[in-house]
C-alpha atoms as a PDB file:
ATOM      1  CA  MET A   1     115.211  94.071 109.643  1.00  0.00           C
ATOM      2  CA  THR A   2     115.510  92.928 112.856  1.00  0.00           C
ATOM      3  CA  VAL A   3     113.036  91.414 115.326  1.00  0.00           C
ATOM      4  CA  THR A   4     112.370  94.453 117.046  1.00  0.00           C
ATOM      5  CA  ASP A   5     111.847  96.490 113.947  1.00  0.00           C
ATOM      6  CA  ARG A   6     109.483  93.697 112.996  1.00  0.00           C
ATOM      7  CA  ALA A   7     107.381  94.215 115.619  1.00  0.00           C
ATOM      8  CA  ALA A   8     107.455  97.573 115.990  1.00  0.00           C
ATOM      9  CA  ALA A   9     106.454  98.015 112.045  1.00  0.00           C
ATOM     10  CA  LEU A  10     103.439  95.551 112.444  1.00  0.00           C
ATOM     11  CA  ALA A  11     102.054  97.115 115.868  1.00  0.00           C
ATOM     12  CA  ALA A  12     102.118 100.544 113.245  1.00  0.00           C
ATOM     13  CA  TYR A  13     100.358  98.315 110.558  1.00  0.00           C
ATOM     14  CA  ALA A  14      98.110  96.686 113.073  1.00  0.00           C
ATOM     15  CA  ILE A  15      96.647 100.547 114.363  1.00  0.00           C
ATOM     16  CA  CYS A  16      96.731 101.864 110.877  1.00  0.00           C
ATOM     17  CA  PHE A  17      93.745  98.545 109.713  1.00  0.00           C
ATOM     18  CA  GLU A  18      92.155  99.319 113.160  1.00  0.00           C
ATOM     19  CA  GLU A  19      92.048 103.099 112.454  1.00  0.00           C
ATOM     20  CA  LEU A  20      91.481 102.787 108.531  1.00  0.00           C
ATOM     21  CA  ARG A  21      88.294 104.998 107.524  1.00  0.00           C
ATOM     22  CA  PRO A  22      87.720 105.946 103.257  1.00  0.00           C
ATOM     23  CA  ASP A  23      89.826 109.797 103.928  1.00  0.00           C
ATOM     24  CA  ARG A  24      92.385 107.512 105.750  1.00  0.00           C
ATOM     25  CA  LEU A  25      93.765 105.146 102.910  1.00  0.00           C
ATOM     26  CA  GLU A  26      96.906 107.716 102.500  1.00  0.00           C
ATOM     27  CA  THR A  27      98.147 106.038 106.046  1.00  0.00           C
ATOM     28  CA  LEU A  28      98.008 103.100 104.761  1.00  0.00           C
ATOM     29  CA  SER A  29      99.536 103.496 101.626  1.00  0.00           C
ATOM     30  CA  ALA A  30     102.608 104.439 103.203  1.00  0.00           C
ATOM     31  CA  PHE A  31     102.731 101.291 104.837  1.00  0.00           C
ATOM     32  CA  LEU A  32     102.839  99.247 101.139  1.00  0.00           C
ATOM     33  CA  ALA A  33     105.775  98.799  98.673  1.00  0.00           C
ATOM     34  CA  GLU A  34     105.197  99.938  95.173  1.00  0.00           C
ATOM     35  CA  ASP A  35     104.756  96.221  94.111  1.00  0.00           C
ATOM     36  CA  VAL A  36     102.703  94.652  97.307  1.00  0.00           C
ATOM     37  CA  ARG A  37     101.116  92.003  96.827  1.00  0.00           C
ATOM     38  CA  PHE A  38      97.568  91.397  98.325  1.00  0.00           C
ATOM     39  CA  ARG A  39      95.392  87.905  98.481  1.00  0.00           C
ATOM     40  CA  ASP A  40      92.502  86.960 100.004  1.00  0.00           C
ATOM     41  CA  PRO A  41      89.510  84.726  99.746  1.00  0.00           C
ATOM     42  CA  PHE A  42      88.178  87.259  97.037  1.00  0.00           C
ATOM     43  CA  SER A  43      91.207  89.082  95.589  1.00  0.00           C
ATOM     44  CA  ASP A  44      94.817  88.603  94.015  1.00  0.00           C
ATOM     45  CA  VAL A  45      96.336  91.936  93.249  1.00  0.00           C
ATOM     46  CA  GLN A  46      99.658  93.423  92.649  1.00  0.00           C
ATOM     47  CA  GLY A  47     100.639  96.829  93.467  1.00  0.00           C
ATOM     48  CA  ARG A  48     100.038  99.583  95.832  1.00  0.00           C
ATOM     49  CA  GLN A  49      97.210 101.322  93.565  1.00  0.00           C
ATOM     50  CA  ALA A  50      95.824  97.722  93.392  1.00  0.00           C
ATOM     51  CA  VAL A  51      95.601  96.895  97.179  1.00  0.00           C
ATOM     52  CA  LEU A  52      93.903 100.299  98.013  1.00  0.00           C
ATOM     53  CA  GLY A  53      91.458 100.077  95.049  1.00  0.00           C
ATOM     54  CA  ILE A  54      90.568  96.582  97.057  1.00  0.00           C
ATOM     55  CA  PHE A  55      89.684  98.672 100.596  1.00  0.00           C
ATOM     56  CA  SER A  56      88.595 101.797  98.817  1.00  0.00           C
ATOM     57  CA  HIS A  57      85.687  99.061  97.291  1.00  0.00           C
ATOM     58  CA  MET A  58      85.266  97.673 100.924  1.00  0.00           C
ATOM     59  CA  PHE A  59      84.629 101.414 102.180  1.00  0.00           C
ATOM     60  CA  GLU A  60      82.062 101.673  99.018  1.00  0.00           C
ATOM     61  CA  ALA A  61      80.480  98.229  99.629  1.00  0.00           C
ATOM     62  CA  MET A  62      80.078  98.380 103.458  1.00  0.00           C
ATOM     63  CA  GLU A  63      78.470 100.504 105.952  1.00  0.00           C
ATOM     64  CA  ASP A  64      80.851 101.382 108.958  1.00  0.00           C
ATOM     65  CA  PRO A  65      83.185  98.643 108.414  1.00  0.00           C
ATOM     66  CA  VAL A  66      85.842  98.004 111.444  1.00  0.00           C
ATOM     67  CA  PHE A  67      88.732  95.922 112.129  1.00  0.00           C
ATOM     68  CA  VAL A  68      89.674  94.798 115.836  1.00  0.00           C
ATOM     69  CA  VAL A  69      93.347  93.439 115.639  1.00  0.00           C
ATOM     70  CA  LEU A  70      92.681  90.490 118.456  1.00  0.00           C
ATOM     71  CA  ASP A  71      96.396  89.347 118.448  1.00  0.00           C
ATOM     72  CA  ARG A  72      99.657  89.889 116.481  1.00  0.00           C
ATOM     73  CA  ALA A  73     103.081  87.289 116.210  1.00  0.00           C
ATOM     74  CA  ILE A  74     106.244  87.877 114.779  1.00  0.00           C
ATOM     75  CA  GLY A  75     107.280  84.246 112.713  1.00  0.00           C
ATOM     76  CA  GLY A  76     110.979  83.888 111.305  1.00  0.00           C
ATOM     77  CA  GLU A  77     109.741  85.356 108.165  1.00  0.00           C
ATOM     78  CA  ALA A  78     106.761  86.768 108.446  1.00  0.00           C
ATOM     79  CA  CYS A  79     103.953  88.441 110.869  1.00  0.00           C
ATOM     80  CA  TYR A  80     100.596  87.387 111.701  1.00  0.00           C
ATOM     81  CA  LEU A  81      97.568  89.471 112.834  1.00  0.00           C
ATOM     82  CA  LYS A  82      94.696  87.938 114.157  1.00  0.00           C
ATOM     83  CA  TRP A  83      92.011  90.299 113.554  1.00  0.00           C
ATOM     84  CA  ARG A  84      87.982  90.436 113.656  1.00  0.00           C
ATOM     85  CA  PHE A  85      86.506  93.002 110.824  1.00  0.00           C
ATOM     86  CA  SER A  86      82.538  93.668 110.792  1.00  0.00           C
ATOM     87  CA  GLY A  87      80.064  96.222 109.064  1.00  0.00           C
ATOM     88  CA  CYS A  88      77.254  96.249 107.048  1.00  0.00           C
ATOM     89  CA  VAL A  89      77.000  94.785 103.584  1.00  0.00           C
ATOM     90  CA  ARG A  90      74.882  97.457 102.023  1.00  0.00           C
ATOM     91  CA  ALA A  91      73.696  95.379  98.903  1.00  0.00           C
ATOM     92  CA  GLY A  92      71.285  92.393 100.016  1.00  0.00           C
ATOM     93  CA  GLY A  93      69.247  93.651 102.142  1.00  0.00           C
ATOM     94  CA  ARG A  94      71.914  95.559 104.639  1.00  0.00           C
ATOM     95  CA  ARG A  95      73.143  91.951 105.946  1.00  0.00           C
ATOM     96  CA  GLN A  96      75.478  92.358 109.243  1.00  0.00           C
ATOM     97  CA  VAL A  97      78.833  90.249 108.958  1.00  0.00           C
ATOM     98  CA  GLU A  98      81.141  89.505 111.033  1.00  0.00           C
ATOM     99  CA  ILE A  99      84.764  87.752 110.227  1.00  0.00           C
ATOM    100  CA  THR A 100      87.709  86.531 112.005  1.00  0.00           C
ATOM    101  CA  GLY A 101      90.762  85.775 110.087  1.00  0.00           C
ATOM    102  CA  MET A 102      94.570  86.085 110.396  1.00  0.00           C
ATOM    103  CA  SER A 103      97.030  88.316 107.828  1.00  0.00           C
ATOM    104  CA  GLU A 104     100.319  86.822 106.897  1.00  0.00           C
ATOM    105  CA  VAL A 105     102.364  90.077 106.725  1.00  0.00           C
ATOM    106  CA  VAL A 106     106.000  90.194 105.266  1.00  0.00           C
ATOM    107  CA  PHE A 107     107.994  93.293 105.143  1.00  0.00           C
ATOM    108  CA  ASP A 108     111.177  94.276 103.269  1.00  0.00           C
ATOM    109  CA  GLU A 109     114.067  96.123 104.751  1.00  0.00           C
ATOM    110  CA  ASN A 110     112.297  99.742 104.748  1.00  0.00           C
ATOM    111  CA  GLU A 111     109.772  97.968 106.686  1.00  0.00           C
ATOM    112  CA  ARG A 112     106.731  98.369 103.800  1.00  0.00           C
ATOM    113  CA  VAL A 113     104.666  95.559 103.363  1.00  0.00           C
ATOM    114  CA  VAL A 114     105.756  93.269 100.349  1.00  0.00           C
ATOM    115  CA  SER A 115     103.374  90.666 100.944  1.00  0.00           C
ATOM    116  CA  HIS A 116      99.723  90.795 103.200  1.00  0.00           C
ATOM    117  CA  VAL A 117      97.533  87.490 102.656  1.00  0.00           C
ATOM    118  CA  ASP A 118      94.546  87.310 104.446  1.00  0.00           C
ATOM    119  CA  HIS A 119      93.227  83.815 105.883  1.00  0.00           C
ATOM    120  CA  TRP A 120      89.776  83.022 106.774  1.00  0.00           C
ATOM    121  CA  ASP A 121      86.861  80.989 105.896  1.00  0.00           C
ATOM    122  CA  ALA A 122      84.569  82.448 103.376  1.00  0.00           C
ATOM    123  CA  ALA A 123      82.569  79.366 103.371  1.00  0.00           C
ATOM    124  CA  SER A 124      81.525  79.427 106.612  1.00  0.00           C
ATOM    125  CA  GLN A 125      81.204  83.093 107.359  1.00  0.00           C
ATOM    126  CA  VAL A 126      79.956  85.050 104.630  1.00  0.00           C
ATOM    127  CA  PHE A 127      78.589  82.682 101.789  1.00  0.00           C
ATOM    128  CA  GLY A 128      77.380  79.983 104.599  1.00  0.00           C
ATOM    129  CA  MET A 129      74.861  83.193 105.561  1.00  0.00           C
ATOM    130  CA  PHE A 130      73.144  82.843 102.485  1.00  0.00           C
ATOM    131  CA  PRO A 131      69.592  80.857 102.312  1.00  0.00           C
ATOM    132  CA  VAL A 132      70.449  78.406  99.317  1.00  0.00           C
ATOM    133  CA  LEU A 133      74.302  78.022  99.892  1.00  0.00           C
ATOM    134  CA  GLY A 134      74.456  78.280 103.802  1.00  0.00           C
ATOM    135  CA  PRO A 135      72.638  74.800 104.024  1.00  0.00           C
ATOM    136  CA  LEU A 136      74.324  73.604 101.026  1.00  0.00           C
ATOM    137  CA  LEU A 137      77.621  74.249 102.117  1.00  0.00           C
ATOM    138  CA  ARG A 138      76.504  73.031 106.042  1.00  0.00           C
ATOM    139  CA  TRP A 139      75.874  69.514 104.384  1.00  0.00           C
ATOM    140  CA  LEU A 140      78.960  69.663 102.044  1.00  0.00           C
ATOM    141  CA  GLY A 141      80.986  69.991 105.214  1.00  0.00           C
ATOM    142  CA  ARG A 142      78.849  67.224 107.248  1.00  0.00           C
ATOM    143  CA  GLY A 143      80.560  65.007 104.482  1.00  0.00           C
ATOM    144  CA  PHE A 144      84.227  65.705 105.793  1.00  0.00           C
ATOM    145  CA  SER A 145      83.078  65.457 109.281  1.00  0.00           C
ATOM    146  CA  PRO A 146      84.720  62.612 110.820  1.00  0.00           C
ATOM    147  CA  VAL A 147      81.289  62.764 113.751  1.00  0.00           C
ATOM    148  CA  ARG A 148      77.942  61.804 112.122  1.00  0.00           C
END
């Protein structure tokens, strides 16, 4: 797979995420290899159906979830998407969330995703919003900061 092929595959994959809706999960499915691995701070699953299950659950747990791709890059082995995810969590008082992260995506020779690893800071971007966990995490974080 050439760099040009990977760039085109990544661009199409990025559009798929920006247009992702509950009734369009089959579009995502077409990009995934049968044995794809997906990992983020909350999940680590293998297989197309397991990955689709993650996104199906997202649509059940969230109101109006949206991905906006901010940037893309092609590396030596992997491709990268910088994104912003926003939506409203249905449980816990319908809390609005906005998460900025990066996906590390590896394609096979057929332009199917074999690995999708999301990197984002769950501590500050999710757990930090909660009344008890937020102050505790900020207090713990100060212990690692060189500036006092």
